[in-house]
C-alpha atoms as a PDB file:
ATOM      1  CA  MET A   1      42.814-103.317 -88.861  1.00  0.00           C
ATOM      2  CA  MET A   2      44.172-101.565 -85.813  1.00  0.00           C
ATOM      3  CA  HIS A   3      43.615 -98.132 -87.304  1.00  0.00           C
ATOM      4  CA  ARG A   4      40.025 -98.870 -88.089  1.00  0.00           C
ATOM      5  CA  ARG A   5      39.352 -99.961 -84.475  1.00  0.00           C
ATOM      6  CA  ASP A   6      41.006 -96.827 -83.081  1.00  0.00           C
ATOM      7  CA  ASP A   7      38.977 -94.694 -85.448  1.00  0.00           C
ATOM      8  CA  HIS A   8      35.794 -96.458 -84.305  1.00  0.00           C
ATOM      9  CA  LEU A   9      36.584 -95.846 -80.630  1.00  0.00           C
ATOM     10  CA  ALA A  10      37.483 -92.222 -81.275  1.00  0.00           C
ATOM     11  CA  GLY A  11      34.007 -91.609 -82.638  1.00  0.00           C
ATOM     12  CA  HIS A  12      32.408 -92.487 -79.291  1.00  0.00           C
ATOM     13  CA  ALA A  13      33.036 -90.591 -76.003  1.00  0.00           C
ATOM     14  CA  ILE A  14      34.142 -92.725 -73.056  1.00  0.00           C
ATOM     15  CA  ALA A  15      31.493 -92.731 -70.268  1.00  0.00           C
ATOM     16  CA  LYS A  16      32.507 -91.198 -66.944  1.00  0.00           C
ATOM     17  CA  PRO A  17      31.150 -92.331 -63.559  1.00  0.00           C
ATOM     18  CA  ILE A  18      28.769 -89.940 -61.839  1.00  0.00           C
ATOM     19  CA  ILE A  19      29.844 -89.306 -58.244  1.00  0.00           C
ATOM     20  CA  LYS A  20      27.448 -87.593 -55.817  1.00  0.00           C
ATOM     21  CA  LYS A  21      28.204 -86.598 -52.266  1.00  0.00           C
ATOM     22  CA  MET A  22      25.920 -88.322 -49.751  1.00  0.00           C
ATOM     23  CA  HIS A  23      24.371 -86.101 -47.063  1.00  0.00           C
ATOM     24  CA  TRP A  24      23.309 -87.607 -43.705  1.00  0.00           C
ATOM     25  CA  PRO A  25      19.671 -86.919 -42.936  1.00  0.00           C
ATOM     26  CA  TYR A  26      20.415 -84.912 -39.797  1.00  0.00           C
ATOM     27  CA  PRO A  27      16.836 -83.664 -39.202  1.00  0.00           C
ATOM     28  CA  VAL A  28      15.529 -87.219 -39.216  1.00  0.00           C
ATOM     29  CA  VAL A  29      18.241 -89.098 -37.334  1.00  0.00           C
ATOM     30  CA  TRP A  30      18.707 -86.652 -34.464  1.00  0.00           C
ATOM     31  CA  ILE A  31      15.104 -85.622 -33.873  1.00  0.00           C
ATOM     32  CA  VAL A  32      14.339 -88.670 -31.691  1.00  0.00           C
ATOM     33  CA  PRO A  33      17.248 -88.345 -29.214  1.00  0.00           C
ATOM     34  CA  LEU A  34      16.728 -84.576 -29.167  1.00  0.00           C
ATOM     35  CA  LEU A  35      13.102 -84.976 -28.160  1.00  0.00           C
ATOM     36  CA  ALA A  36      14.107 -87.583 -25.562  1.00  0.00           C
ATOM     37  CA  ALA A  37      16.673 -85.205 -24.084  1.00  0.00           C
ATOM     38  CA  VAL A  38      14.099 -82.398 -23.891  1.00  0.00           C
ATOM     39  CA  ALA A  39      11.579 -84.691 -22.204  1.00  0.00           C
ATOM     40  CA  ALA A  40      14.205 -85.905 -19.743  1.00  0.00           C
ATOM     41  CA  GLY A  41      15.096 -82.304 -18.969  1.00  0.00           C
ATOM     42  CA  PHE A  42      11.500 -81.412 -18.178  1.00  0.00           C
ATOM     43  CA  TYR A  43      11.127 -84.559 -16.044  1.00  0.00           C
ATOM     44  CA  PHE A  44      14.325 -83.805 -14.131  1.00  0.00           C
ATOM     45  CA  ARG A  45      13.205 -80.215 -13.620  1.00  0.00           C
ATOM     46  CA  ASP A  46       9.825 -81.335 -12.256  1.00  0.00           C
ATOM     47  CA  TYR A  47      11.578 -83.914 -10.083  1.00  0.00           C
ATOM     48  CA  LEU A  48      13.830 -81.275  -8.538  1.00  0.00           C
ATOM     49  CA  MET A  49      10.982 -78.818  -8.119  1.00  0.00           C
ATOM     50  CA  ASN A  50       8.717 -81.370  -6.385  1.00  0.00           C
ATOM     51  CA  ARG A  51      11.419 -82.959  -4.247  1.00  0.00           C
ATOM     52  CA  GLY A  52      11.417 -81.935  -0.621  1.00  0.00           C
ATOM     53  CA  PRO A  53      14.024 -82.344   2.125  1.00  0.00           C
ATOM     54  CA  GLN A  54      15.641 -85.670   3.047  1.00  0.00           C
ATOM     55  CA  ILE A  55      15.295 -86.793   6.680  1.00  0.00           C
ATOM     56  CA  THR A  56      16.384 -89.820   8.709  1.00  0.00           C
ATOM     57  CA  LEU A  57      14.152 -91.574  11.243  1.00  0.00           C
ATOM     58  CA  THR A  58      15.494 -93.915  13.917  1.00  0.00           C
ATOM     59  CA  PHE A  59      13.285 -96.799  15.062  1.00  0.00           C
ATOM     60  CA  ASN A  60      13.838 -99.834  17.270  1.00  0.00           C
ATOM     61  CA  ASP A  61      12.101-102.076  14.738  1.00  0.00           C
ATOM     62  CA  GLY A  62      11.808-101.643  10.979  1.00  0.00           C
ATOM     63  CA  SER A  63       9.619-104.651  10.253  1.00  0.00           C
ATOM     64  CA  GLY A  64       7.522-104.217   7.121  1.00  0.00           C
ATOM     65  CA  LEU A  65       9.161-100.999   5.913  1.00  0.00           C
ATOM     66  CA  LYS A  66      10.124-101.227   2.240  1.00  0.00           C
ATOM     67  CA  GLU A  67      12.247 -98.981   0.064  1.00  0.00           C
ATOM     68  CA  GLY A  68      10.214 -97.107  -2.524  1.00  0.00           C
ATOM     69  CA  GLU A  69       6.896 -98.492  -1.210  1.00  0.00           C
ATOM     70  CA  THR A  70       6.308 -97.417   2.387  1.00  0.00           C
ATOM     71  CA  LYS A  71       4.602 -94.031   2.569  1.00  0.00           C
ATOM     72  CA  VAL A  72       4.896 -91.301   5.158  1.00  0.00           C
ATOM     73  CA  MET A  73       1.423 -89.954   5.927  1.00  0.00           C
ATOM     74  CA  HIS A  74      -0.251 -87.107   7.760  1.00  0.00           C
ATOM     75  CA  LEU A  75      -4.029 -87.091   8.251  1.00  0.00           C
ATOM     76  CA  GLY A  76      -4.270 -89.850   5.655  1.00  0.00           C
ATOM     77  CA  VAL A  77      -2.402 -87.868   2.960  1.00  0.00           C
ATOM     78  CA  PRO A  78       1.038 -88.974   1.656  1.00  0.00           C
ATOM     79  CA  ILE A  79       3.766 -86.444   2.386  1.00  0.00           C
ATOM     80  CA  GLY A  80       6.827 -88.536   1.628  1.00  0.00           C
ATOM     81  CA  GLU A  81       8.272 -91.956   0.893  1.00  0.00           C
ATOM     82  CA  VAL A  82      10.894 -94.273   2.370  1.00  0.00           C
ATOM     83  CA  THR A  83      13.988 -94.249   0.135  1.00  0.00           C
ATOM     84  CA  SER A  84      16.122 -96.752   2.057  1.00  0.00           C
ATOM     85  CA  VAL A  85      16.272 -98.774   5.272  1.00  0.00           C
ATOM     86  CA  GLU A  86      19.484 -99.807   7.006  1.00  0.00           C
ATOM     87  CA  LEU A  87      20.912-100.752  10.375  1.00  0.00           C
ATOM     88  CA  SER A  88      22.726 -98.177  12.494  1.00  0.00           C
ATOM     89  CA  HIS A  89      26.484 -98.418  12.943  1.00  0.00           C
ATOM     90  CA  ASP A  90      26.092-100.127  16.334  1.00  0.00           C
ATOM     91  CA  HIS A  91      23.403-102.486  14.958  1.00  0.00           C
ATOM     92  CA  ALA A  92      21.081-101.438  17.795  1.00  0.00           C
ATOM     93  CA  SER A  93      18.469 -99.561  15.789  1.00  0.00           C
ATOM     94  CA  VAL A  94      17.068 -99.065  12.305  1.00  0.00           C
ATOM     95  CA  LEU A  95      17.721 -95.976  10.182  1.00  0.00           C
ATOM     96  CA  VAL A  96      14.896 -95.108   7.818  1.00  0.00           C
ATOM     97  CA  HIS A  97      15.720 -92.528   5.160  1.00  0.00           C
ATOM     98  CA  VAL A  98      12.740 -90.556   3.902  1.00  0.00           C
ATOM     99  CA  ARG A  99      12.322 -88.104   1.056  1.00  0.00           C
ATOM    100  CA  LEU A 100       9.567 -85.602   1.802  1.00  0.00           C
ATOM    101  CA  GLN A 101       7.490 -83.927  -0.857  1.00  0.00           C
ATOM    102  CA  LYS A 102       7.902 -80.286  -1.782  1.00  0.00           C
ATOM    103  CA  SER A 103       6.221 -77.785   0.541  1.00  0.00           C
ATOM    104  CA  GLN A 104       6.373 -80.270   3.423  1.00  0.00           C
ATOM    105  CA  ASP A 105       9.207 -78.479   5.214  1.00  0.00           C
ATOM    106  CA  ALA A 106       7.142 -78.366   8.417  1.00  0.00           C
ATOM    107  CA  PHE A 107       7.852 -82.092   8.806  1.00  0.00           C
ATOM    108  CA  ALA A 108      11.587 -81.425   8.713  1.00  0.00           C
ATOM    109  CA  ARG A 109      11.529 -79.179  11.760  1.00  0.00           C
ATOM    110  CA  GLU A 110      12.215 -79.783  15.428  1.00  0.00           C
ATOM    111  CA  GLY A 111       9.147 -81.052  17.195  1.00  0.00           C
ATOM    112  CA  ALA A 112       7.934 -83.221  14.317  1.00  0.00           C
ATOM    113  CA  LEU A 113       6.846 -86.702  15.441  1.00  0.00           C
ATOM    114  CA  TYR A 114       6.961 -90.001  13.567  1.00  0.00           C
ATOM    115  CA  TRP A 115       5.668 -93.472  14.400  1.00  0.00           C
ATOM    116  CA  ILE A 116       4.951 -96.701  12.512  1.00  0.00           C
ATOM    117  CA  VAL A 117       1.335 -97.804  12.125  1.00  0.00           C
ATOM    118  CA  ARG A 118       0.919-101.590  12.152  1.00  0.00           C
ATOM    119  CA  PRO A 119      -2.007-103.890  12.951  1.00  0.00           C
ATOM    120  CA  GLU A 120      -2.342-103.989  16.739  1.00  0.00           C
ATOM    121  CA  ILE A 121      -4.685-105.685  19.161  1.00  0.00           C
ATOM    122  CA  SER A 122      -4.525-104.446  22.747  1.00  0.00           C
ATOM    123  CA  LEU A 123      -6.725-103.702  25.718  1.00  0.00           C
ATOM    124  CA  GLY A 124      -7.321-100.278  24.189  1.00  0.00           C
ATOM    125  CA  GLY A 125      -8.921-101.861  21.134  1.00  0.00           C
ATOM    126  CA  ILE A 126      -7.961-102.879  17.610  1.00  0.00           C
ATOM    127  CA  SER A 127      -6.061-100.434  15.429  1.00  0.00           C
ATOM    128  CA  GLY A 128      -4.203-100.348  12.147  1.00  0.00           C
ATOM    129  CA  LEU A 129      -6.439-102.891  10.397  1.00  0.00           C
ATOM    130  CA  ASN A 130      -6.042-100.991   7.113  1.00  0.00           C
ATOM    131  CA  THR A 131      -2.360-102.011   7.077  1.00  0.00           C
ATOM    132  CA  VAL A 132      -3.062-105.757   7.031  1.00  0.00           C
ATOM    133  CA  LEU A 133      -3.038-105.849   3.213  1.00  0.00           C
ATOM    134  CA  SER A 134      -1.184-102.654   2.320  1.00  0.00           C
ATOM    135  CA  GLY A 135       1.605-103.036   4.860  1.00  0.00           C
ATOM    136  CA  PRO A 136       2.682-100.593   7.576  1.00  0.00           C
ATOM    137  CA  PHE A 137       3.131 -96.888   6.989  1.00  0.00           C
ATOM    138  CA  ILE A 138       4.746 -94.056   8.917  1.00  0.00           C
ATOM    139  CA  ASP A 139       2.400 -91.508  10.436  1.00  0.00           C
ATOM    140  CA  SER A 140       3.523 -88.056  11.482  1.00  0.00           C
ATOM    141  CA  THR A 141       2.783 -84.648  12.935  1.00  0.00           C
ATOM    142  CA  PRO A 142       4.567 -81.430  11.867  1.00  0.00           C
ATOM    143  CA  GLY A 143       7.049 -79.523  13.978  1.00  0.00           C
ATOM    144  CA  ASN A 144       7.409 -75.802  14.633  1.00  0.00           C
ATOM    145  CA  GLY A 145      11.062 -75.494  15.606  1.00  0.00           C
ATOM    146  CA  GLY A 146      14.211 -75.033  13.624  1.00  0.00           C
ATOM    147  CA  ALA A 147      15.175 -77.096  10.592  1.00  0.00           C
ATOM    148  CA  ALA A 148      16.188 -80.672  11.415  1.00  0.00           C
ATOM    149  CA  THR A 149      17.071 -83.832   9.505  1.00  0.00           C
ATOM    150  CA  ASP A 150      17.327 -86.522  12.206  1.00  0.00           C
ATOM    151  CA  PHE A 151      14.369 -87.720  14.282  1.00  0.00           C
ATOM    152  CA  THR A 152      13.828 -90.496  16.807  1.00  0.00           C
ATOM    153  CA  GLY A 153      10.650 -92.386  15.990  1.00  0.00           C
ATOM    154  CA  LEU A 154       8.031 -93.161  18.622  1.00  0.00           C
ATOM    155  CA  GLU A 155       7.025 -96.695  19.577  1.00  0.00           C
ATOM    156  CA  LYS A 156       3.338 -95.805  19.190  1.00  0.00           C
ATOM    157  CA  ALA A 157       1.105 -92.881  18.374  1.00  0.00           C
ATOM    158  CA  PRO A 158       1.578 -89.985  20.813  1.00  0.00           C
ATOM    159  CA  GLU A 159      -1.181 -89.727  23.376  1.00  0.00           C
ATOM    160  CA  THR A 160      -0.978 -85.929  23.426  1.00  0.00           C
ATOM    161  CA  LEU A 161      -2.638 -85.608  20.020  1.00  0.00           C
ATOM    162  CA  GLU A 162      -6.115 -85.732  21.506  1.00  0.00           C
ATOM    163  CA  PRO A 163      -7.186 -82.766  23.660  1.00  0.00           C
ATOM    164  CA  GLY A 164      -8.192 -83.612  27.193  1.00  0.00           C
ATOM    165  CA  LEU A 165      -7.297 -83.549  30.877  1.00  0.00           C
ATOM    166  CA  ARG A 166      -4.297 -85.351  32.327  1.00  0.00           C
ATOM    167  CA  ILE A 167      -4.244 -86.124  36.031  1.00  0.00           C
ATOM    168  CA  VAL A 168      -2.272 -88.343  38.415  1.00  0.00           C
ATOM    169  CA  LEU A 169      -3.801 -90.814  40.868  1.00  0.00           C
ATOM    170  CA  HIS A 170      -1.759 -92.074  43.828  1.00  0.00           C
ATOM    171  CA  GLY A 171      -2.412 -95.651  44.943  1.00  0.00           C
ATOM    172  CA  GLN A 172      -0.828 -98.012  47.435  1.00  0.00           C
ATOM    173  CA  ARG A 173      -0.249-100.867  44.974  1.00  0.00           C
ATOM    174  CA  LEU A 174      -0.967-102.077  41.471  1.00  0.00           C
ATOM    175  CA  GLU A 175      -4.112-104.177  41.539  1.00  0.00           C
ATOM    176  CA  HIS A 176      -6.914-104.652  38.993  1.00  0.00           C
ATOM    177  CA  VAL A 177      -5.557-101.767  36.894  1.00  0.00           C
ATOM    178  CA  GLN A 178      -3.026-101.716  34.099  1.00  0.00           C
ATOM    179  CA  PRO A 179      -2.037 -99.418  31.228  1.00  0.00           C
ATOM    180  CA  GLU A 180      -4.965 -98.869  28.824  1.00  0.00           C
ATOM    181  CA  SER A 181      -7.497 -99.750  31.521  1.00  0.00           C
ATOM    182  CA  LEU A 182     -10.585 -97.596  31.111  1.00  0.00           C
ATOM    183  CA  VAL A 183     -11.814 -94.790  33.345  1.00  0.00           C
ATOM    184  CA  TYR A 184     -15.582 -94.675  33.897  1.00  0.00           C
ATOM    185  CA  TYR A 185     -18.137 -92.182  35.140  1.00  0.00           C
ATOM    186  CA  ARG A 186     -21.549 -93.742  35.895  1.00  0.00           C
ATOM    187  CA  GLY A 187     -20.543 -96.701  33.763  1.00  0.00           C
ATOM    188  CA  ILE A 188     -19.640 -94.550  30.738  1.00  0.00           C
ATOM    189  CA  GLN A 189     -16.087 -94.554  29.431  1.00  0.00           C
ATOM    190  CA  VAL A 190     -14.616 -91.076  29.870  1.00  0.00           C
ATOM    191  CA  GLY A 191     -10.884 -91.750  29.827  1.00  0.00           C
ATOM    192  CA  MET A 192      -8.031 -94.216  29.996  1.00  0.00           C
ATOM    193  CA  VAL A 193      -5.002 -95.067  32.095  1.00  0.00           C
ATOM    194  CA  GLN A 194      -1.979 -94.039  30.057  1.00  0.00           C
ATOM    195  CA  SER A 195       0.867 -95.294  32.219  1.00  0.00           C
ATOM    196  CA  ILE A 196       1.654 -96.667  35.663  1.00  0.00           C
ATOM    197  CA  VAL A 197       4.927 -96.038  37.514  1.00  0.00           C
ATOM    198  CA  LEU A 198       6.350 -96.192  41.008  1.00  0.00           C
ATOM    199  CA  ASN A 199       6.304 -92.846  42.779  1.00  0.00           C
ATOM    200  CA  PRO A 200       9.646 -91.123  43.479  1.00  0.00           C
ATOM    201  CA  ASN A 201       9.829 -92.644  46.978  1.00  0.00           C
ATOM    202  CA  ALA A 202       8.895 -96.132  45.739  1.00  0.00           C
ATOM    203  CA  ASP A 203       6.299 -96.434  48.496  1.00  0.00           C
ATOM    204  CA  GLY A 204       3.298 -96.228  46.170  1.00  0.00           C
ATOM    205  CA  VAL A 205       2.121 -96.293  42.593  1.00  0.00           C
ATOM    206  CA  ASP A 206       1.270 -93.346  40.347  1.00  0.00           C
ATOM    207  CA  PHE A 207      -1.433 -93.811  37.722  1.00  0.00           C
ATOM    208  CA  HIS A 208      -1.305 -91.292  34.879  1.00  0.00           C
ATOM    209  CA  VAL A 209      -4.845 -90.868  33.608  1.00  0.00           C
ATOM    210  CA  PHE A 210      -6.262 -89.166  30.537  1.00  0.00           C
ATOM    211  CA  ILE A 211      -9.829 -87.761  30.595  1.00  0.00           C
ATOM    212  CA  GLN A 212     -11.451 -86.958  27.254  1.00  0.00           C
ATOM    213  CA  HIS A 213     -12.007 -83.262  26.584  1.00  0.00           C
ATOM    214  CA  ARG A 214     -15.798 -83.510  26.645  1.00  0.00           C
ATOM    215  CA  TYR A 215     -15.755 -85.000  30.144  1.00  0.00           C
ATOM    216  CA  GLU A 216     -13.192 -82.671  31.731  1.00  0.00           C
ATOM    217  CA  PRO A 217     -15.863 -80.787  33.775  1.00  0.00           C
ATOM    218  CA  LEU A 218     -16.727 -84.028  35.606  1.00  0.00           C
ATOM    219  CA  VAL A 219     -13.400 -83.975  37.454  1.00  0.00           C
ATOM    220  CA  ARG A 220     -13.486 -81.589  40.439  1.00  0.00           C
ATOM    221  CA  ASN A 221     -10.933 -80.836  43.100  1.00  0.00           C
ATOM    222  CA  ASN A 222     -12.970 -82.883  45.614  1.00  0.00           C
ATOM    223  CA  SER A 223     -13.676 -85.862  43.312  1.00  0.00           C
ATOM    224  CA  GLU A 224     -13.038 -89.346  44.655  1.00  0.00           C
ATOM    225  CA  PHE A 225     -11.501 -92.153  42.574  1.00  0.00           C
ATOM    226  CA  TRP A 226     -11.608 -95.885  43.216  1.00  0.00           C
ATOM    227  CA  VAL A 227     -10.797 -99.171  41.461  1.00  0.00           C
ATOM    228  CA  VAL A 228     -13.341-101.193  39.499  1.00  0.00           C
ATOM    229  CA  ASN A 229     -12.697-104.804  40.454  1.00  0.00           C
ATOM    230  CA  GLY A 230     -14.862-106.497  37.848  1.00  0.00           C
ATOM    231  CA  PHE A 231     -16.413-108.820  40.425  1.00  0.00           C
ATOM    232  CA  ASP A 232     -18.258-107.689  43.539  1.00  0.00           C
ATOM    233  CA  VAL A 233     -19.448-110.497  45.829  1.00  0.00           C
ATOM    234  CA  LYS A 234     -21.460-109.925  48.999  1.00  0.00           C
ATOM    235  CA  ALA A 235     -22.847-112.566  51.355  1.00  0.00           C
ATOM    236  CA  GLY A 236     -25.320-112.418  54.194  1.00  0.00           C
ATOM    237  CA  LEU A 237     -27.294-114.837  56.365  1.00  0.00           C
ATOM    238  CA  LEU A 238     -30.656-113.536  55.121  1.00  0.00           C
ATOM    239  CA  SER A 239     -29.795-112.177  51.711  1.00  0.00           C
ATOM    240  CA  GLY A 240     -27.598-115.059  50.624  1.00  0.00           C
ATOM    241  CA  VAL A 241     -24.835-114.501  48.080  1.00  0.00           C
ATOM    242  CA  GLN A 242     -25.112-111.495  45.759  1.00  0.00           C
ATOM    243  CA  MET A 243     -22.664-111.157  42.900  1.00  0.00           C
ATOM    244  CA  LYS A 244     -22.246-108.184  40.591  1.00  0.00           C
ATOM    245  CA  VAL A 245     -20.278-108.703  37.376  1.00  0.00           C
ATOM    246  CA  ASP A 246     -19.001-105.685  35.448  1.00  0.00           C
ATOM    247  CA  SER A 247     -18.122-105.656  31.755  1.00  0.00           C
ATOM    248  CA  LEU A 248     -15.823-108.327  30.362  1.00  0.00           C
ATOM    249  CA  ARG A 249     -13.198-105.706  29.691  1.00  0.00           C
ATOM    250  CA  ALA A 250     -13.292-104.510  33.304  1.00  0.00           C
ATOM    251  CA  ILE A 251     -12.836-108.105  34.451  1.00  0.00           C
ATOM    252  CA  ILE A 252      -9.810-108.609  32.194  1.00  0.00           C
ATOM    253  CA  SER A 253      -8.031-105.266  32.464  1.00  0.00           C
ATOM    254  CA  GLY A 254      -9.665-103.622  35.458  1.00  0.00           C
ATOM    255  CA  GLY A 255     -10.635 -99.990  35.515  1.00  0.00           C
ATOM    256  CA  ILE A 256     -11.150 -96.828  37.535  1.00  0.00           C
ATOM    257  CA  THR A 257     -14.297 -94.859  38.280  1.00  0.00           C
ATOM    258  CA  PHE A 258     -14.975 -91.626  40.151  1.00  0.00           C
ATOM    259  CA  ASN A 259     -17.673 -89.340  41.454  1.00  0.00           C
ATOM    260  CA  SER A 260     -18.052 -85.913  43.028  1.00  0.00           C
ATOM    261  CA  PRO A 261     -20.145 -84.618  45.959  1.00  0.00           C
ATOM    262  CA  ASP A 262     -23.524 -83.226  44.961  1.00  0.00           C
ATOM    263  CA  ASP A 263     -24.002 -81.081  48.060  1.00  0.00           C
ATOM    264  CA  LYS A 264     -20.786 -79.107  47.633  1.00  0.00           C
ATOM    265  CA  LEU A 265     -19.458 -79.343  44.096  1.00  0.00           C
ATOM    266  CA  GLY A 266     -15.763 -78.548  43.849  1.00  0.00           C
ATOM    267  CA  GLN A 267     -13.894 -76.481  41.274  1.00  0.00           C
ATOM    268  CA  PRO A 268     -12.682 -77.835  37.911  1.00  0.00           C
ATOM    269  CA  VAL A 269      -9.039 -78.887  37.815  1.00  0.00           C
ATOM    270  CA  SER A 270      -6.239 -78.445  35.300  1.00  0.00           C
ATOM    271  CA  ASP A 271      -3.528 -80.739  33.950  1.00  0.00           C
ATOM    272  CA  GLY A 272      -1.347 -82.298  36.621  1.00  0.00           C
ATOM    273  CA  ALA A 273      -3.997 -82.389  39.350  1.00  0.00           C
ATOM    274  CA  GLU A 274      -3.398 -85.183  41.880  1.00  0.00           C
ATOM    275  CA  PHE A 275      -5.889 -87.456  43.632  1.00  0.00           C
ATOM    276  CA  ALA A 276      -5.828 -90.528  45.857  1.00  0.00           C
ATOM    277  CA  LEU A 277      -6.936 -93.832  44.327  1.00  0.00           C
ATOM    278  CA  TYR A 278      -8.849 -96.119  46.703  1.00  0.00           C
ATOM    279  CA  ASP A 279      -9.350 -99.862  46.458  1.00  0.00           C
ATOM    280  CA  GLU A 280     -13.086 -99.507  47.079  1.00  0.00           C
ATOM    281  CA  PRO A 281     -15.564 -96.644  47.513  1.00  0.00           C
ATOM    282  CA  LYS A 282     -17.383 -95.425  50.566  1.00  0.00           C
ATOM    283  CA  LYS A 283     -21.120 -95.985  50.489  1.00  0.00           C
ATOM    284  CA  GLU A 284     -21.962 -92.300  50.170  1.00  0.00           C
ATOM    285  CA  TRP A 285     -19.762 -91.934  47.094  1.00  0.00           C
ATOM    286  CA  LEU A 286     -22.062 -94.265  45.198  1.00  0.00           C
ATOM    287  CA  ASN A 287     -25.093 -92.107  46.051  1.00  0.00           C
ATOM    288  CA  TRP A 288     -23.616 -88.818  44.829  1.00  0.00           C
ATOM    289  CA  ALA A 289     -25.421 -87.418  41.777  1.00  0.00           C
ATOM    290  CA  PRO A 290     -24.083 -83.940  40.979  1.00  0.00           C
ATOM    291  CA  LYS A 291     -25.482 -81.978  38.057  1.00  0.00           C
ATOM    292  CA  ILE A 292     -22.514 -81.074  35.841  1.00  0.00           C
ATOM    293  CA  HIS A 293     -23.035 -79.657  32.358  1.00  0.00           C
ATOM    294  CA  ILE A 294     -20.855 -81.187  29.638  1.00  0.00           C
ATOM    295  CA  SER A 295     -20.674 -80.262  25.953  1.00  0.00           C
ATOM    296  CA  ALA A 296     -23.272 -81.752  23.636  1.00  0.00           C
ATOM    297  CA  ASP A 297     -22.607 -85.010  21.875  1.00  0.00           C
ATOM    298  CA  ASP A 298     -24.582 -85.469  18.665  1.00  0.00           C
ATOM    299  CA  SER A 299     -24.481 -89.245  19.007  1.00  0.00           C
ATOM    300  CA  GLN A 300     -26.172 -89.060  22.403  1.00  0.00           C
ATOM    301  CA  SER A 301     -28.371 -85.996  21.937  1.00  0.00           C
ATOM    302  CA  ASN A 302     -31.969 -86.518  23.037  1.00  0.00           C
ATOM    303  CA  GLY A 303     -33.340 -83.020  22.603  1.00  0.00           C
ATOM    304  CA  ASP A 304     -33.245 -82.085  26.307  1.00  0.00           C
ATOM    305  CA  GLU A 305     -32.077 -78.653  27.336  1.00  0.00           C
ATOM    306  CA  PRO A 306     -28.560 -78.640  28.833  1.00  0.00           C
ATOM    307  CA  ASN A 307     -29.730 -77.351  32.211  1.00  0.00           C
ATOM    308  CA  GLY A 308     -33.239 -78.767  32.131  1.00  0.00           C
ATOM    309  CA  PRO A 309     -34.526 -81.878  33.842  1.00  0.00           C
ATOM    310  CA  THR A 310     -33.599 -85.227  32.313  1.00  0.00           C
ATOM    311  CA  GLY A 311     -34.703 -88.799  32.782  1.00  0.00           C
ATOM    312  CA  GLN A 312     -31.678 -89.415  35.005  1.00  0.00           C
ATOM    313  CA  ASP A 313     -32.608 -86.429  37.190  1.00  0.00           C
ATOM    314  CA  ALA A 314     -36.126 -87.805  37.616  1.00  0.00           C
ATOM    315  CA  LEU A 315     -34.717 -91.212  38.538  1.00  0.00           C
ATOM    316  CA  ASN A 316     -32.366 -89.702  41.104  1.00  0.00           C
ATOM    317  CA  SER A 317     -35.250 -87.691  42.621  1.00  0.00           C
ATOM    318  CA  ALA A 318     -37.348 -90.834  42.893  1.00  0.00           C
ATOM    319  CA  ILE A 319     -34.552 -92.701  44.642  1.00  0.00           C
ATOM    320  CA  LYS A 320     -34.002 -89.864  47.125  1.00  0.00           C
ATOM    321  CA  SER A 321     -37.720 -89.602  47.864  1.00  0.00           C
ATOM    322  CA  LYS A 322     -37.724 -93.217  48.943  1.00  0.00           C
END
């Protein structure tokens, strides 16, 4: 029986297992991370190419500035972004680190100015309303000096950005005038008081005044300046009480006005010219009506020739004829 079984098994070949080597699908498995690495490389390259210099701004107050959100602007165009905000080592100021965009190297040079724009209501008006919802931003002007990385921020926008005339008025005391009080010519705003300080001898007050560029020719070397009180009350036995009330702003903040002689018009002045500031005008100052040509203003153009007669000239002639 055993031989028959062995003979039966010998007639059939014993099956052998088939073993195949397994190959990892390299093209499929590695294609995704490879593409991710290539994309990351291009992104990092673009990041380095578009990244400008890093600068540090020092401010007294960093309220509202946020990392990765607050923009640095120039003429309404973003030029950089705040990367971090921290206190200085002495805890007396705020250090704002900013990354500028590529090709904005002019803002990393000496002479560049930075200030924070926030909503502000003052005697000079209302400003920064666009930051009520969006939050404050940092405004700037470029520099033209050597490369720099550290800047001291301004408390407010620099007043030197606007072209114009800057003069100094010397008064005896501070009365009815304060910083941001307006300067008038014939009732029209032509400038503003920028700052008020004691003179070097402390025996008077110096008023630093800015006159808008268009109205620079109105200031002559023999011009007279006096204070606008807001209220002007006169009383007489026959005339009774006469009261003149100027604009509400003049009542609150005061102001300054001026005029020049019409019989002998003086020469134009340059920055730094000095004048006396009087508490009230002489009677003849109010009657002066010099003809001084100023540049055209489209918002006030009436089609008259610059040197031709105007309605105001006719009115002045009528008053003189009386």
